[in-house]
Amino acid sequence: MAGTSWTITDGNGMQHQIEYKVKTWGGAQITVDGNIYKVKSSNWFVNLIDYSIDFPGVNCHVIVIGKKVRLAVNGTYNDDGTAYEPIANIPAWIYVLVVLSVVGGWFFGGLICMAIGLLFSTVYISAALEKKTGKVITFFIIFVVICIVFLGLNLALQGIV
């Protein structure tokens, strides 16, 4: 059971405890001052949660992308001071890359490349949510190179090349 917790002081000077946990059996939950709220990902492929909590004079958001958990208080992330932006929808072209990576991996490199394609797909989605398009393209190019190498090895082992 992994967890992250924060203590927040509201506009009236009262302290509140916020905790995010992932249980082995039962999924993710957010505990606010002892009250437990079960939360589910808004994405089928990557754990994606944006849970809003309001206290007098304070607005908090627990943000989970994959395994990375952050807290935004009044529009600012408390870990690095950057501005909070609501989680955007994942662009359709990212899902095209996911399908190409998984299906293309299977056809060009077999089960190993398909598994690598699944792993890289999580990177595509996470990077797209962080608006890092260059990272998505770089990882896709790396994946294509890996598939070409595996295809060459498969053809060489079969004596075709």
C-alpha atoms as a PDB file:
ATOM      1  CA  MET A   1       0.000   0.000   0.000  1.00  0.00           C
ATOM      2  CA  ALA A   2       1.672   3.186  -1.227  1.00  0.00           C
ATOM      3  CA  GLY A   3       0.600   6.604  -0.030  1.00  0.00           C
ATOM      4  CA  THR A   4       1.316  10.301  -0.130  1.00  0.00           C
ATOM      5  CA  SER A   5      -0.023  12.852   2.343  1.00  0.00           C
ATOM      6  CA  TRP A   6      -0.175  16.623   2.782  1.00  0.00           C
ATOM      7  CA  THR A   7      -1.272  19.010   5.521  1.00  0.00           C
ATOM      8  CA  ILE A   8      -3.124  22.102   4.281  1.00  0.00           C
ATOM      9  CA  THR A   9      -4.129  25.183   6.282  1.00  0.00           C
ATOM     10  CA  ASP A  10      -7.397  26.769   5.148  1.00  0.00           C
ATOM     11  CA  GLY A  11      -8.418  30.435   5.204  1.00  0.00           C
ATOM     12  CA  ASN A  12      -9.648  30.117   8.813  1.00  0.00           C
ATOM     13  CA  GLY A  13      -6.319  28.759  10.074  1.00  0.00           C
ATOM     14  CA  MET A  14      -7.585  25.157  10.485  1.00  0.00           C
ATOM     15  CA  GLN A  15      -5.341  22.344   9.315  1.00  0.00           C
ATOM     16  CA  HIS A  16      -6.633  19.593   7.062  1.00  0.00           C
ATOM     17  CA  GLN A  17      -5.032  16.271   6.208  1.00  0.00           C
ATOM     18  CA  ILE A  18      -5.161  14.972   2.614  1.00  0.00           C
ATOM     19  CA  GLU A  19      -3.823  11.522   1.742  1.00  0.00           C
ATOM     20  CA  TYR A  20      -3.675   9.547  -1.497  1.00  0.00           C
ATOM     21  CA  LYS A  21      -3.296   5.752  -1.275  1.00  0.00           C
ATOM     22  CA  VAL A  22      -3.329   2.881  -3.695  1.00  0.00           C
ATOM     23  CA  LYS A  23      -4.401  -0.347  -2.034  1.00  0.00           C
ATOM     24  CA  THR A  24      -3.469  -3.730  -3.420  1.00  0.00           C
ATOM     25  CA  TRP A  25      -7.109  -4.787  -3.368  1.00  0.00           C
ATOM     26  CA  GLY A  26      -9.609  -1.980  -3.665  1.00  0.00           C
ATOM     27  CA  GLY A  27      -7.918   0.571  -5.894  1.00  0.00           C
ATOM     28  CA  ALA A  28      -7.050   4.187  -5.244  1.00  0.00           C
ATOM     29  CA  GLN A  29      -8.542   6.336  -2.534  1.00  0.00           C
ATOM     30  CA  ILE A  30      -8.226   9.876  -1.260  1.00  0.00           C
ATOM     31  CA  THR A  31      -8.688  10.528   2.444  1.00  0.00           C
ATOM     32  CA  VAL A  32      -9.666  14.058   3.498  1.00  0.00           C
ATOM     33  CA  ASP A  33      -9.757  14.613   7.288  1.00  0.00           C
ATOM     34  CA  GLY A  34     -10.530  10.934   7.857  1.00  0.00           C
ATOM     35  CA  ASN A  35     -13.250  10.691   5.180  1.00  0.00           C
ATOM     36  CA  ILE A  36     -12.387   8.155   2.479  1.00  0.00           C
ATOM     37  CA  TYR A  37     -13.280   8.757  -1.171  1.00  0.00           C
ATOM     38  CA  LYS A  38     -12.636   6.058  -3.764  1.00  0.00           C
ATOM     39  CA  VAL A  39     -11.342   7.456  -7.030  1.00  0.00           C
ATOM     40  CA  LYS A  40     -11.015   5.943 -10.478  1.00  0.00           C
ATOM     41  CA  SER A  41      -8.855   6.826 -13.405  1.00  0.00           C
ATOM     42  CA  SER A  42     -10.467   8.818 -16.205  1.00  0.00           C
ATOM     43  CA  ASN A  43      -8.296   6.952 -18.735  1.00  0.00           C
ATOM     44  CA  TRP A  44      -8.336   3.258 -19.578  1.00  0.00           C
ATOM     45  CA  PHE A  45      -4.613   3.019 -20.311  1.00  0.00           C
ATOM     46  CA  VAL A  46      -2.795   5.282 -17.831  1.00  0.00           C
ATOM     47  CA  ASN A  47      -3.798   6.106 -14.250  1.00  0.00           C
ATOM     48  CA  LEU A  48      -5.219   9.623 -14.619  1.00  0.00           C
ATOM     49  CA  ILE A  49      -6.950  11.347 -11.697  1.00  0.00           C
ATOM     50  CA  ASP A  50      -7.784  15.012 -11.037  1.00  0.00           C
ATOM     51  CA  TYR A  51      -9.706  15.218  -7.748  1.00  0.00           C
ATOM     52  CA  SER A  52     -10.826  18.625  -6.456  1.00  0.00           C
ATOM     53  CA  ILE A  53     -11.100  19.413  -2.724  1.00  0.00           C
ATOM     54  CA  ASP A  54     -12.460  22.730  -1.418  1.00  0.00           C
ATOM     55  CA  PHE A  55     -11.779  24.194   2.006  1.00  0.00           C
ATOM     56  CA  PRO A  56     -12.718  27.714   3.156  1.00  0.00           C
ATOM     57  CA  GLY A  57     -10.467  30.010   1.136  1.00  0.00           C
ATOM     58  CA  VAL A  58      -8.431  27.151  -0.350  1.00  0.00           C
ATOM     59  CA  ASN A  59      -8.937  25.034  -3.468  1.00  0.00           C
ATOM     60  CA  CYS A  60      -6.856  21.857  -3.774  1.00  0.00           C
ATOM     61  CA  HIS A  61      -6.439  19.372  -6.611  1.00  0.00           C
ATOM     62  CA  VAL A  62      -4.869  15.938  -6.189  1.00  0.00           C
ATOM     63  CA  ILE A  63      -3.351  15.118  -9.579  1.00  0.00           C
ATOM     64  CA  VAL A  64      -2.225  11.592 -10.463  1.00  0.00           C
ATOM     65  CA  ILE A  65      -0.582  10.787 -13.789  1.00  0.00           C
ATOM     66  CA  GLY A  66       0.699   7.229 -13.856  1.00  0.00           C
ATOM     67  CA  LYS A  67       2.488   6.811 -10.529  1.00  0.00           C
ATOM     68  CA  LYS A  68       3.306  10.501 -10.126  1.00  0.00           C
ATOM     69  CA  VAL A  69       1.133  12.147  -7.437  1.00  0.00           C
ATOM     70  CA  ARG A  70       1.035  15.929  -6.975  1.00  0.00           C
ATOM     71  CA  LEU A  71      -1.035  18.453  -5.051  1.00  0.00           C
ATOM     72  CA  ALA A  72      -2.045  21.859  -6.416  1.00  0.00           C
ATOM     73  CA  VAL A  73      -3.160  24.479  -3.889  1.00  0.00           C
ATOM     74  CA  ASN A  74      -4.910  27.625  -5.166  1.00  0.00           C
ATOM     75  CA  GLY A  75      -3.660  27.099  -8.710  1.00  0.00           C
ATOM     76  CA  THR A  76      -0.018  26.299  -7.876  1.00  0.00           C
ATOM     77  CA  TYR A  77       1.671  22.926  -7.478  1.00  0.00           C
ATOM     78  CA  ASN A  78       3.162  22.711  -3.992  1.00  0.00           C
ATOM     79  CA  ASP A  79       6.193  20.646  -5.053  1.00  0.00           C
ATOM     80  CA  ASP A  80       7.714  22.989  -7.640  1.00  0.00           C
ATOM     81  CA  GLY A  81       5.575  26.147  -7.699  1.00  0.00           C
ATOM     82  CA  THR A  82       4.437  25.797 -11.315  1.00  0.00           C
ATOM     83  CA  ALA A  83       0.916  26.781 -12.319  1.00  0.00           C
ATOM     84  CA  TYR A  84      -1.814  24.143 -12.160  1.00  0.00           C
ATOM     85  CA  GLU A  85      -3.548  23.337 -15.419  1.00  0.00           C
ATOM     86  CA  PRO A  86      -6.500  20.963 -15.578  1.00  0.00           C
ATOM     87  CA  ILE A  87      -5.664  17.637 -17.167  1.00  0.00           C
ATOM     88  CA  ALA A  88      -6.346  17.943 -20.881  1.00  0.00           C
ATOM     89  CA  ASN A  89      -7.777  15.304 -23.132  1.00  0.00           C
ATOM     90  CA  ILE A  90      -5.235  13.116 -24.856  1.00  0.00           C
ATOM     91  CA  PRO A  91      -4.958  13.962 -28.574  1.00  0.00           C
ATOM     92  CA  ALA A  92      -6.215  11.340 -31.025  1.00  0.00           C
ATOM     93  CA  TRP A  93      -2.840  11.087 -32.764  1.00  0.00           C
ATOM     94  CA  ILE A  94      -1.336   9.716 -29.547  1.00  0.00           C
ATOM     95  CA  TYR A  95      -3.784   6.796 -29.680  1.00  0.00           C
ATOM     96  CA  VAL A  96      -2.780   6.237 -33.323  1.00  0.00           C
ATOM     97  CA  LEU A  97       0.851   5.920 -32.155  1.00  0.00           C
ATOM     98  CA  VAL A  98      -0.272   3.526 -29.392  1.00  0.00           C
ATOM     99  CA  VAL A  99      -2.024   1.266 -31.925  1.00  0.00           C
ATOM    100  CA  LEU A 100       0.915   1.478 -34.337  1.00  0.00           C
ATOM    101  CA  SER A 101       3.336   0.591 -31.554  1.00  0.00           C
ATOM    102  CA  VAL A 102       1.405  -2.387 -30.262  1.00  0.00           C
ATOM    103  CA  VAL A 103       0.178  -3.850 -33.566  1.00  0.00           C
ATOM    104  CA  GLY A 104       3.302  -2.851 -35.498  1.00  0.00           C
ATOM    105  CA  GLY A 105       5.452  -4.259 -32.719  1.00  0.00           C
ATOM    106  CA  TRP A 106       3.659  -7.590 -33.005  1.00  0.00           C
ATOM    107  CA  PHE A 107       4.021  -7.775 -36.795  1.00  0.00           C
ATOM    108  CA  PHE A 108       7.617  -6.556 -37.036  1.00  0.00           C
ATOM    109  CA  GLY A 109       9.200  -7.955 -33.881  1.00  0.00           C
ATOM    110  CA  GLY A 110       6.841 -10.406 -32.262  1.00  0.00           C
ATOM    111  CA  LEU A 111       5.892 -10.547 -28.618  1.00  0.00           C
ATOM    112  CA  ILE A 112       8.971  -8.719 -27.347  1.00  0.00           C
ATOM    113  CA  CYS A 113       8.403  -5.699 -29.621  1.00  0.00           C
ATOM    114  CA  MET A 114       4.713  -5.705 -28.757  1.00  0.00           C
ATOM    115  CA  ALA A 115       5.618  -5.541 -25.047  1.00  0.00           C
ATOM    116  CA  ILE A 116       8.084  -2.738 -25.777  1.00  0.00           C
ATOM    117  CA  GLY A 117       5.313  -0.987 -27.737  1.00  0.00           C
ATOM    118  CA  LEU A 118       2.984  -1.233 -24.728  1.00  0.00           C
ATOM    119  CA  LEU A 119       5.670   0.159 -22.456  1.00  0.00           C
ATOM    120  CA  PHE A 120       6.460   3.016 -24.814  1.00  0.00           C
ATOM    121  CA  SER A 121       2.722   3.731 -25.197  1.00  0.00           C
ATOM    122  CA  THR A 122       2.525   4.640 -21.528  1.00  0.00           C
ATOM    123  CA  VAL A 123       5.380   7.088 -22.143  1.00  0.00           C
ATOM    124  CA  TYR A 124       3.518   8.581 -25.148  1.00  0.00           C
ATOM    125  CA  ILE A 125       0.398   9.209 -23.070  1.00  0.00           C
ATOM    126  CA  SER A 126       2.241  10.580 -20.046  1.00  0.00           C
ATOM    127  CA  ALA A 127       4.343  12.903 -22.190  1.00  0.00           C
ATOM    128  CA  ALA A 128       1.255  14.090 -24.095  1.00  0.00           C
ATOM    129  CA  LEU A 129      -0.444  14.952 -20.811  1.00  0.00           C
ATOM    130  CA  GLU A 130       2.623  16.985 -19.847  1.00  0.00           C
ATOM    131  CA  LYS A 131       2.474  18.638 -23.297  1.00  0.00           C
ATOM    132  CA  LYS A 132       5.913  17.322 -24.284  1.00  0.00           C
ATOM    133  CA  THR A 133       5.350  16.521 -27.951  1.00  0.00           C
ATOM    134  CA  GLY A 134       9.081  16.221 -28.661  1.00  0.00           C
ATOM    135  CA  LYS A 135       9.395  13.439 -26.095  1.00  0.00           C
ATOM    136  CA  VAL A 136       6.516  11.531 -27.734  1.00  0.00           C
ATOM    137  CA  ILE A 137       8.098  11.786 -31.181  1.00  0.00           C
ATOM    138  CA  THR A 138      11.549  10.848 -29.870  1.00  0.00           C
ATOM    139  CA  PHE A 139      10.248   7.715 -28.147  1.00  0.00           C
ATOM    140  CA  PHE A 140       8.257   6.702 -31.241  1.00  0.00           C
ATOM    141  CA  ILE A 141      11.378   7.033 -33.404  1.00  0.00           C
ATOM    142  CA  ILE A 142      13.334   4.922 -30.884  1.00  0.00           C
ATOM    143  CA  PHE A 143      10.552   2.339 -31.039  1.00  0.00           C
ATOM    144  CA  VAL A 144      10.662   2.246 -34.849  1.00  0.00           C
ATOM    145  CA  VAL A 145      14.440   1.690 -34.745  1.00  0.00           C
ATOM    146  CA  ILE A 146      13.974  -1.157 -32.229  1.00  0.00           C
ATOM    147  CA  CYS A 147      11.373  -2.764 -34.543  1.00  0.00           C
ATOM    148  CA  ILE A 148      13.691  -2.485 -37.537  1.00  0.00           C
ATOM    149  CA  VAL A 149      16.495  -4.165 -35.573  1.00  0.00           C
ATOM    150  CA  PHE A 150      14.192  -6.986 -34.437  1.00  0.00           C
ATOM    151  CA  LEU A 151      12.829  -7.423 -37.977  1.00  0.00           C
ATOM    152  CA  GLY A 152      16.391  -7.652 -39.322  1.00  0.00           C
ATOM    153  CA  LEU A 153      17.307 -10.205 -36.647  1.00  0.00           C
ATOM    154  CA  ASN A 154      14.208 -12.283 -37.391  1.00  0.00           C
ATOM    155  CA  LEU A 155      14.903 -12.263 -41.124  1.00  0.00           C
ATOM    156  CA  ALA A 156      18.574 -13.123 -40.574  1.00  0.00           C
ATOM    157  CA  LEU A 157      17.660 -16.039 -38.293  1.00  0.00           C
ATOM    158  CA  GLN A 158      15.291 -17.383 -40.929  1.00  0.00           C
ATOM    159  CA  GLY A 159      17.977 -17.100 -43.591  1.00  0.00           C
ATOM    160  CA  ILE A 160      16.034 -14.625 -45.724  1.00  0.00           C
ATOM    161  CA  VAL A 161      18.656 -11.879 -45.507  1.00  0.00           C
END
